[in-house]
Amino acid sequence: MKYLKFNTPVPKGSKTDKLWEMIDRNCGEAIEGGVEAATWFPHPHYHGRLWEEAMPLGNTGLVLSFITLEDPE
């Protein structure tokens, strides 16, 4: 598990980063999709893709992100 301290920038290229950009334009809704493990973890033990879900927490100015292993299908 990992958490970011308040006001810590999120990794560029993440879905959470994209959601923050959307929120800045007043159009932020939940967003999800695949990202490389190295986007969130600079030295991952897993070198595949992750599935990231990011959602705004109402009008609090906060975002909740879930990151799991991507289903290879």
PDB file of N, CA and C in Angstrom:
ATOM      1  N   MET A   1       0.842  -1.177   0.000  1.00  0.00           N
ATOM      2  CA  MET A   1       0.000   0.000   0.000  1.00  0.00           C
ATOM      3  C   MET A   1       0.885   1.237   0.000  1.00  0.00           C
ATOM      4  N   LYS A   2       0.337   2.297  -0.570  1.00  0.00           N
ATOM      5  CA  LYS A   2       1.076   3.544  -0.663  1.00  0.00           C
ATOM      6  C   LYS A   2       0.087   4.691  -0.513  1.00  0.00           C
ATOM      7  N   TYR A   3       0.528   5.735   0.120  1.00  0.00           N
ATOM      8  CA  TYR A   3      -0.290   6.926   0.171  1.00  0.00           C
ATOM      9  C   TYR A   3       0.612   8.127  -0.078  1.00  0.00           C
ATOM     10  N   LEU A   4       0.014   9.202  -0.537  1.00  0.00           N
ATOM     11  CA  LEU A   4       0.758  10.436  -0.767  1.00  0.00           C
ATOM     12  C   LEU A   4       0.323  11.451   0.271  1.00  0.00           C
ATOM     13  N   LYS A   5       1.273  12.172   0.814  1.00  0.00           N
ATOM     14  CA  LYS A   5       0.934  13.221   1.763  1.00  0.00           C
ATOM     15  C   LYS A   5       0.172  14.327   1.049  1.00  0.00           C
ATOM     16  N   PHE A   6      -0.629  15.047   1.786  1.00  0.00           N
ATOM     17  CA  PHE A   6      -1.425  16.143   1.240  1.00  0.00           C
ATOM     18  C   PHE A   6      -0.523  17.120   0.488  1.00  0.00           C
ATOM     19  N   ASN A   7      -0.964  17.547  -0.660  1.00  0.00           N
ATOM     20  CA  ASN A   7      -0.264  18.489  -1.547  1.00  0.00           C
ATOM     21  C   ASN A   7       0.980  17.902  -2.224  1.00  0.00           C
ATOM     22  N   THR A   8       1.172  16.595  -2.162  1.00  0.00           N
ATOM     23  CA  THR A   8       2.262  15.955  -2.892  1.00  0.00           C
ATOM     24  C   THR A   8       1.792  15.725  -4.329  1.00  0.00           C
ATOM     25  N   PRO A   9       2.578  16.119  -5.324  1.00  0.00           N
ATOM     26  CA  PRO A   9       2.144  15.888  -6.714  1.00  0.00           C
ATOM     27  C   PRO A   9       2.028  14.396  -7.022  1.00  0.00           C
ATOM     28  N   VAL A  10       1.023  14.054  -7.820  1.00  0.00           N
ATOM     29  CA  VAL A  10       0.860  12.665  -8.242  1.00  0.00           C
ATOM     30  C   VAL A  10       1.722  12.440  -9.481  1.00  0.00           C
ATOM     31  N   PRO A  11       2.050  11.190  -9.792  1.00  0.00           N
ATOM     32  CA  PRO A  11       2.915  10.912 -10.939  1.00  0.00           C
ATOM     33  C   PRO A  11       2.298  11.373 -12.263  1.00  0.00           C
ATOM     34  N   LYS A  12       3.113  12.021 -13.082  1.00  0.00           N
ATOM     35  CA  LYS A  12       2.685  12.419 -14.426  1.00  0.00           C
ATOM     36  C   LYS A  12       2.384  11.162 -15.231  1.00  0.00           C
ATOM     37  N   GLY A  13       1.344  11.211 -16.023  1.00  0.00           N
ATOM     38  CA  GLY A  13       0.958  10.063 -16.833  1.00  0.00           C
ATOM     39  C   GLY A  13      -0.020   9.123 -16.145  1.00  0.00           C
ATOM     40  N   SER A  14      -0.301   9.380 -14.868  1.00  0.00           N
ATOM     41  CA  SER A  14      -1.265   8.530 -14.160  1.00  0.00           C
ATOM     42  C   SER A  14      -2.681   9.008 -14.448  1.00  0.00           C
ATOM     43  N   LYS A  15      -3.652   8.141 -14.211  1.00  0.00           N
ATOM     44  CA  LYS A  15      -5.059   8.515 -14.376  1.00  0.00           C
ATOM     45  C   LYS A  15      -5.439   9.567 -13.346  1.00  0.00           C
ATOM     46  N   THR A  16      -4.840   9.492 -12.159  1.00  0.00           N
ATOM     47  CA  THR A  16      -5.109  10.479 -11.120  1.00  0.00           C
ATOM     48  C   THR A  16      -4.653  11.867 -11.572  1.00  0.00           C
ATOM     49  N   ASP A  17      -3.504  11.934 -12.222  1.00  0.00           N
ATOM     50  CA  ASP A  17      -3.006  13.203 -12.752  1.00  0.00           C
ATOM     51  C   ASP A  17      -3.981  13.765 -13.792  1.00  0.00           C
ATOM     52  N   LYS A  18      -4.474  12.906 -14.653  1.00  0.00           N
ATOM     53  CA  LYS A  18      -5.435  13.337 -15.668  1.00  0.00           C
ATOM     54  C   LYS A  18      -6.725  13.835 -15.016  1.00  0.00           C
ATOM     55  N   LEU A  19      -7.182  13.155 -13.954  1.00  0.00           N
ATOM     56  CA  LEU A  19      -8.387  13.581 -13.256  1.00  0.00           C
ATOM     57  C   LEU A  19      -8.185  14.964 -12.640  1.00  0.00           C
ATOM     58  N   TRP A  20      -7.020  15.205 -12.043  1.00  0.00           N
ATOM     59  CA  TRP A  20      -6.753  16.537 -11.464  1.00  0.00           C
ATOM     60  C   TRP A  20      -6.836  17.612 -12.545  1.00  0.00           C
ATOM     61  N   GLU A  21      -6.321  17.325 -13.730  1.00  0.00           N
ATOM     62  CA  GLU A  21      -6.412  18.290 -14.833  1.00  0.00           C
ATOM     63  C   GLU A  21      -7.876  18.538 -15.194  1.00  0.00           C
ATOM     64  N   MET A  22      -8.688  17.485 -15.199  1.00  0.00           N
ATOM     65  CA  MET A  22     -10.109  17.626 -15.515  1.00  0.00           C
ATOM     66  C   MET A  22     -10.825  18.431 -14.430  1.00  0.00           C
ATOM     67  N   ILE A  23     -10.477  18.187 -13.161  1.00  0.00           N
ATOM     68  CA  ILE A  23     -11.089  18.917 -12.048  1.00  0.00           C
ATOM     69  C   ILE A  23     -10.756  20.406 -12.163  1.00  0.00           C
ATOM     70  N   ASP A  24      -9.520  20.713 -12.555  1.00  0.00           N
ATOM     71  CA  ASP A  24      -9.122  22.115 -12.736  1.00  0.00           C
ATOM     72  C   ASP A  24      -9.974  22.810 -13.788  1.00  0.00           C
ATOM     73  N   ARG A  25     -10.532  22.043 -14.740  1.00  0.00           N
ATOM     74  CA  ARG A  25     -11.401  22.597 -15.783  1.00  0.00           C
ATOM     75  C   ARG A  25     -12.878  22.400 -15.436  1.00  0.00           C
ATOM     76  N   ASN A  26     -13.147  22.049 -14.154  1.00  0.00           N
ATOM     77  CA  ASN A  26     -14.516  21.840 -13.658  1.00  0.00           C
ATOM     78  C   ASN A  26     -15.275  20.751 -14.403  1.00  0.00           C
ATOM     79  N   CYS A  27     -14.592  19.703 -14.839  1.00  0.00           N
ATOM     80  CA  CYS A  27     -15.288  18.609 -15.525  1.00  0.00           C
ATOM     81  C   CYS A  27     -14.781  17.252 -15.041  1.00  0.00           C
ATOM     82  N   GLY A  28     -14.392  17.149 -13.791  1.00  0.00           N
ATOM     83  CA  GLY A  28     -13.821  15.908 -13.286  1.00  0.00           C
ATOM     84  C   GLY A  28     -14.848  14.884 -12.858  1.00  0.00           C
ATOM     85  N   GLU A  29     -14.814  13.733 -13.492  1.00  0.00           N
ATOM     86  CA  GLU A  29     -15.613  12.586 -13.093  1.00  0.00           C
ATOM     87  C   GLU A  29     -14.664  11.401 -12.980  1.00  0.00           C
ATOM     88  N   ALA A  30     -15.147  10.305 -12.449  1.00  0.00           N
ATOM     89  CA  ALA A  30     -14.295   9.124 -12.282  1.00  0.00           C
ATOM     90  C   ALA A  30     -13.635   8.749 -13.608  1.00  0.00           C
ATOM     91  N   ILE A  31     -12.394   8.315 -13.509  1.00  0.00           N
ATOM     92  CA  ILE A  31     -11.627   7.917 -14.687  1.00  0.00           C
ATOM     93  C   ILE A  31     -10.869   6.640 -14.335  1.00  0.00           C
ATOM     94  N   GLU A  32     -10.687   5.760 -15.312  1.00  0.00           N
ATOM     95  CA  GLU A  32      -9.966   4.510 -15.058  1.00  0.00           C
ATOM     96  C   GLU A  32      -9.257   4.054 -16.316  1.00  0.00           C
ATOM     97  N   GLY A  33      -8.262   3.199 -16.126  1.00  0.00           N
ATOM     98  CA  GLY A  33      -7.542   2.649 -17.255  1.00  0.00           C
ATOM     99  C   GLY A  33      -6.204   2.069 -16.833  1.00  0.00           C
ATOM    100  N   GLY A  34      -5.508   1.476 -17.780  1.00  0.00           N
ATOM    101  CA  GLY A  34      -4.234   0.834 -17.511  1.00  0.00           C
ATOM    102  C   GLY A  34      -3.078   1.823 -17.494  1.00  0.00           C
ATOM    103  N   VAL A  35      -2.106   1.572 -16.625  1.00  0.00           N
ATOM    104  CA  VAL A  35      -0.871   2.354 -16.541  1.00  0.00           C
ATOM    105  C   VAL A  35       0.287   1.395 -16.286  1.00  0.00           C
ATOM    106  N   GLU A  36       1.472   1.802 -16.667  1.00  0.00           N
ATOM    107  CA  GLU A  36       2.661   1.002 -16.373  1.00  0.00           C
ATOM    108  C   GLU A  36       2.956   1.054 -14.875  1.00  0.00           C
ATOM    109  N   ALA A  37       3.417  -0.044 -14.314  1.00  0.00           N
ATOM    110  CA  ALA A  37       3.732  -0.103 -12.885  1.00  0.00           C
ATOM    111  C   ALA A  37       4.732   0.978 -12.488  1.00  0.00           C
ATOM    112  N   ALA A  38       5.686   1.275 -13.354  1.00  0.00           N
ATOM    113  CA  ALA A  38       6.715   2.270 -13.046  1.00  0.00           C
ATOM    114  C   ALA A  38       6.158   3.689 -12.934  1.00  0.00           C
ATOM    115  N   THR A  39       4.932   3.913 -13.410  1.00  0.00           N
ATOM    116  CA  THR A  39       4.318   5.229 -13.267  1.00  0.00           C
ATOM    117  C   THR A  39       4.152   5.573 -11.794  1.00  0.00           C
ATOM    118  N   TRP A  40       3.700   4.619 -11.013  1.00  0.00           N
ATOM    119  CA  TRP A  40       3.462   4.841  -9.583  1.00  0.00           C
ATOM    120  C   TRP A  40       4.609   4.373  -8.701  1.00  0.00           C
ATOM    121  N   PHE A  41       5.319   3.362  -9.149  1.00  0.00           N
ATOM    122  CA  PHE A  41       6.361   2.774  -8.316  1.00  0.00           C
ATOM    123  C   PHE A  41       7.681   2.811  -9.072  1.00  0.00           C
ATOM    124  N   PRO A  42       8.624   3.659  -8.672  1.00  0.00           N
ATOM    125  CA  PRO A  42       9.855   3.843  -9.445  1.00  0.00           C
ATOM    126  C   PRO A  42      10.715   2.584  -9.580  1.00  0.00           C
ATOM    127  N   HIS A  43      10.634   1.686  -8.635  1.00  0.00           N
ATOM    128  CA  HIS A  43      11.416   0.453  -8.688  1.00  0.00           C
ATOM    129  C   HIS A  43      10.497  -0.744  -8.417  1.00  0.00           C
ATOM    130  N   PRO A  44       9.541  -0.996  -9.313  1.00  0.00           N
ATOM    131  CA  PRO A  44       8.562  -2.053  -9.025  1.00  0.00           C
ATOM    132  C   PRO A  44       9.163  -3.450  -9.133  1.00  0.00           C
ATOM    133  N   HIS A  45       8.645  -4.338  -8.310  1.00  0.00           N
ATOM    134  CA  HIS A  45       9.010  -5.755  -8.422  1.00  0.00           C
ATOM    135  C   HIS A  45       8.196  -6.399  -9.533  1.00  0.00           C
ATOM    136  N   TYR A  46       7.089  -5.752  -9.863  1.00  0.00           N
ATOM    137  CA  TYR A  46       6.199  -6.211 -10.922  1.00  0.00           C
ATOM    138  C   TYR A  46       6.395  -5.277 -12.113  1.00  0.00           C
ATOM    139  N   HIS A  47       6.735  -5.808 -13.267  1.00  0.00           N
ATOM    140  CA  HIS A  47       7.040  -4.979 -14.431  1.00  0.00           C
ATOM    141  C   HIS A  47       5.951  -5.045 -15.498  1.00  0.00           C
ATOM    142  N   GLY A  48       4.717  -5.133 -15.077  1.00  0.00           N
ATOM    143  CA  GLY A  48       3.605  -5.171 -16.018  1.00  0.00           C
ATOM    144  C   GLY A  48       2.756  -3.923 -15.905  1.00  0.00           C
ATOM    145  N   ARG A  49       1.520  -4.074 -16.309  1.00  0.00           N
ATOM    146  CA  ARG A  49       0.598  -2.953 -16.254  1.00  0.00           C
ATOM    147  C   ARG A  49      -0.302  -3.076 -15.041  1.00  0.00           C
ATOM    148  N   LEU A  50      -0.716  -1.918 -14.552  1.00  0.00           N
ATOM    149  CA  LEU A  50      -1.639  -1.833 -13.437  1.00  0.00           C
ATOM    150  C   LEU A  50      -2.947  -1.236 -13.923  1.00  0.00           C
ATOM    151  N   TRP A  51      -4.010  -1.466 -13.181  1.00  0.00           N
ATOM    152  CA  TRP A  51      -5.299  -0.850 -13.473  1.00  0.00           C
ATOM    153  C   TRP A  51      -5.522   0.228 -12.413  1.00  0.00           C
ATOM    154  N   GLU A  52      -5.761   1.448 -12.874  1.00  0.00           N
ATOM    155  CA  GLU A  52      -5.921   2.583 -11.965  1.00  0.00           C
ATOM    156  C   GLU A  52      -7.329   3.153 -12.098  1.00  0.00           C
ATOM    157  N   GLU A  53      -7.972   3.351 -10.964  1.00  0.00           N
ATOM    158  CA  GLU A  53      -9.274   4.004 -10.905  1.00  0.00           C
ATOM    159  C   GLU A  53      -9.132   5.226 -10.005  1.00  0.00           C
ATOM    160  N   ALA A  54      -9.523   6.393 -10.501  1.00  0.00           N
ATOM    161  CA  ALA A  54      -9.439   7.629  -9.728  1.00  0.00           C
ATOM    162  C   ALA A  54     -10.810   8.291  -9.726  1.00  0.00           C
ATOM    163  N   MET A  55     -11.237   8.740  -8.556  1.00  0.00           N
ATOM    164  CA  MET A  55     -12.547   9.378  -8.465  1.00  0.00           C
ATOM    165  C   MET A  55     -12.494  10.555  -7.495  1.00  0.00           C
ATOM    166  N   PRO A  56     -13.167  11.653  -7.853  1.00  0.00           N
ATOM    167  CA  PRO A  56     -13.219  12.797  -6.943  1.00  0.00           C
ATOM    168  C   PRO A  56     -14.103  12.462  -5.746  1.00  0.00           C
ATOM    169  N   LEU A  57     -13.740  12.975  -4.586  1.00  0.00           N
ATOM    170  CA  LEU A  57     -14.529  12.746  -3.373  1.00  0.00           C
ATOM    171  C   LEU A  57     -15.461  13.939  -3.150  1.00  0.00           C
ATOM    172  N   GLY A  58     -16.529  13.954  -3.911  1.00  0.00           N
ATOM    173  CA  GLY A  58     -17.500  15.043  -3.811  1.00  0.00           C
ATOM    174  C   GLY A  58     -16.861  16.386  -4.118  1.00  0.00           C
ATOM    175  N   ASN A  59     -17.165  17.378  -3.319  1.00  0.00           N
ATOM    176  CA  ASN A  59     -16.599  18.719  -3.494  1.00  0.00           C
ATOM    177  C   ASN A  59     -15.504  19.009  -2.483  1.00  0.00           C
ATOM    178  N   THR A  60     -14.841  17.963  -2.006  1.00  0.00           N
ATOM    179  CA  THR A  60     -13.814  18.135  -0.970  1.00  0.00           C
ATOM    180  C   THR A  60     -12.480  18.603  -1.534  1.00  0.00           C
ATOM    181  N   GLY A  61     -12.299  18.466  -2.847  1.00  0.00           N
ATOM    182  CA  GLY A  61     -10.994  18.773  -3.438  1.00  0.00           C
ATOM    183  C   GLY A  61     -10.027  17.614  -3.324  1.00  0.00           C
ATOM    184  N   LEU A  62     -10.516  16.461  -2.900  1.00  0.00           N
ATOM    185  CA  LEU A  62      -9.673  15.277  -2.749  1.00  0.00           C
ATOM    186  C   LEU A  62     -10.029  14.248  -3.817  1.00  0.00           C
ATOM    187  N   VAL A  63      -9.075  13.382  -4.115  1.00  0.00           N
ATOM    188  CA  VAL A  63      -9.271  12.314  -5.088  1.00  0.00           C
ATOM    189  C   VAL A  63      -8.865  10.998  -4.431  1.00  0.00           C
ATOM    190  N   LEU A  64      -9.662   9.973  -4.645  1.00  0.00           N
ATOM    191  CA  LEU A  64      -9.350   8.630  -4.161  1.00  0.00           C
ATOM    192  C   LEU A  64      -8.950   7.781  -5.358  1.00  0.00           C
ATOM    193  N   SER A  65      -7.805   7.111  -5.259  1.00  0.00           N
ATOM    194  CA  SER A  65      -7.305   6.273  -6.350  1.00  0.00           C
ATOM    195  C   SER A  65      -7.116   4.843  -5.869  1.00  0.00           C
ATOM    196  N   PHE A  66      -7.561   3.905  -6.687  1.00  0.00           N
ATOM    197  CA  PHE A  66      -7.338   2.482  -6.458  1.00  0.00           C
ATOM    198  C   PHE A  66      -6.425   1.974  -7.558  1.00  0.00           C
ATOM    199  N   ILE A  67      -5.378   1.263  -7.166  1.00  0.00           N
ATOM    200  CA  ILE A  67      -4.428   0.732  -8.144  1.00  0.00           C
ATOM    201  C   ILE A  67      -4.283  -0.762  -7.881  1.00  0.00           C
ATOM    202  N   THR A  68      -4.584  -1.573  -8.890  1.00  0.00           N
ATOM    203  CA  THR A  68      -4.504  -3.023  -8.772  1.00  0.00           C
ATOM    204  C   THR A  68      -3.771  -3.587  -9.983  1.00  0.00           C
ATOM    205  N   LEU A  69      -3.474  -4.887  -9.957  1.00  0.00           N
ATOM    206  CA  LEU A  69      -2.886  -5.524 -11.116  1.00  0.00           C
ATOM    207  C   LEU A  69      -3.918  -5.556 -12.246  1.00  0.00           C
ATOM    208  N   GLU A  70      -3.478  -5.270 -13.454  1.00  0.00           N
ATOM    209  CA  GLU A  70      -4.377  -5.284 -14.593  1.00  0.00           C
ATOM    210  C   GLU A  70      -4.701  -6.717 -14.984  1.00  0.00           C
ATOM    211  N   ASP A  71      -5.939  -6.989 -15.308  1.00  0.00           N
ATOM    212  CA  ASP A  71      -6.366  -8.310 -15.745  1.00  0.00           C
ATOM    213  C   ASP A  71      -5.824  -8.535 -17.167  1.00  0.00           C
ATOM    214  N   PRO A  72      -4.995  -9.556 -17.389  1.00  0.00           N
ATOM    215  CA  PRO A  72      -4.376  -9.752 -18.698  1.00  0.00           C
ATOM    216  C   PRO A  72      -5.351 -10.157 -19.811  1.00  0.00           C
ATOM    217  N   GLU A  73      -6.532 -10.660 -19.460  1.00  0.00           N
ATOM    218  CA  GLU A  73      -7.547 -11.133 -20.425  1.00  0.00           C
ATOM    219  C   GLU A  73      -6.907 -11.890 -21.533  1.00  0.00           C
TER     220      GLU A  73
END
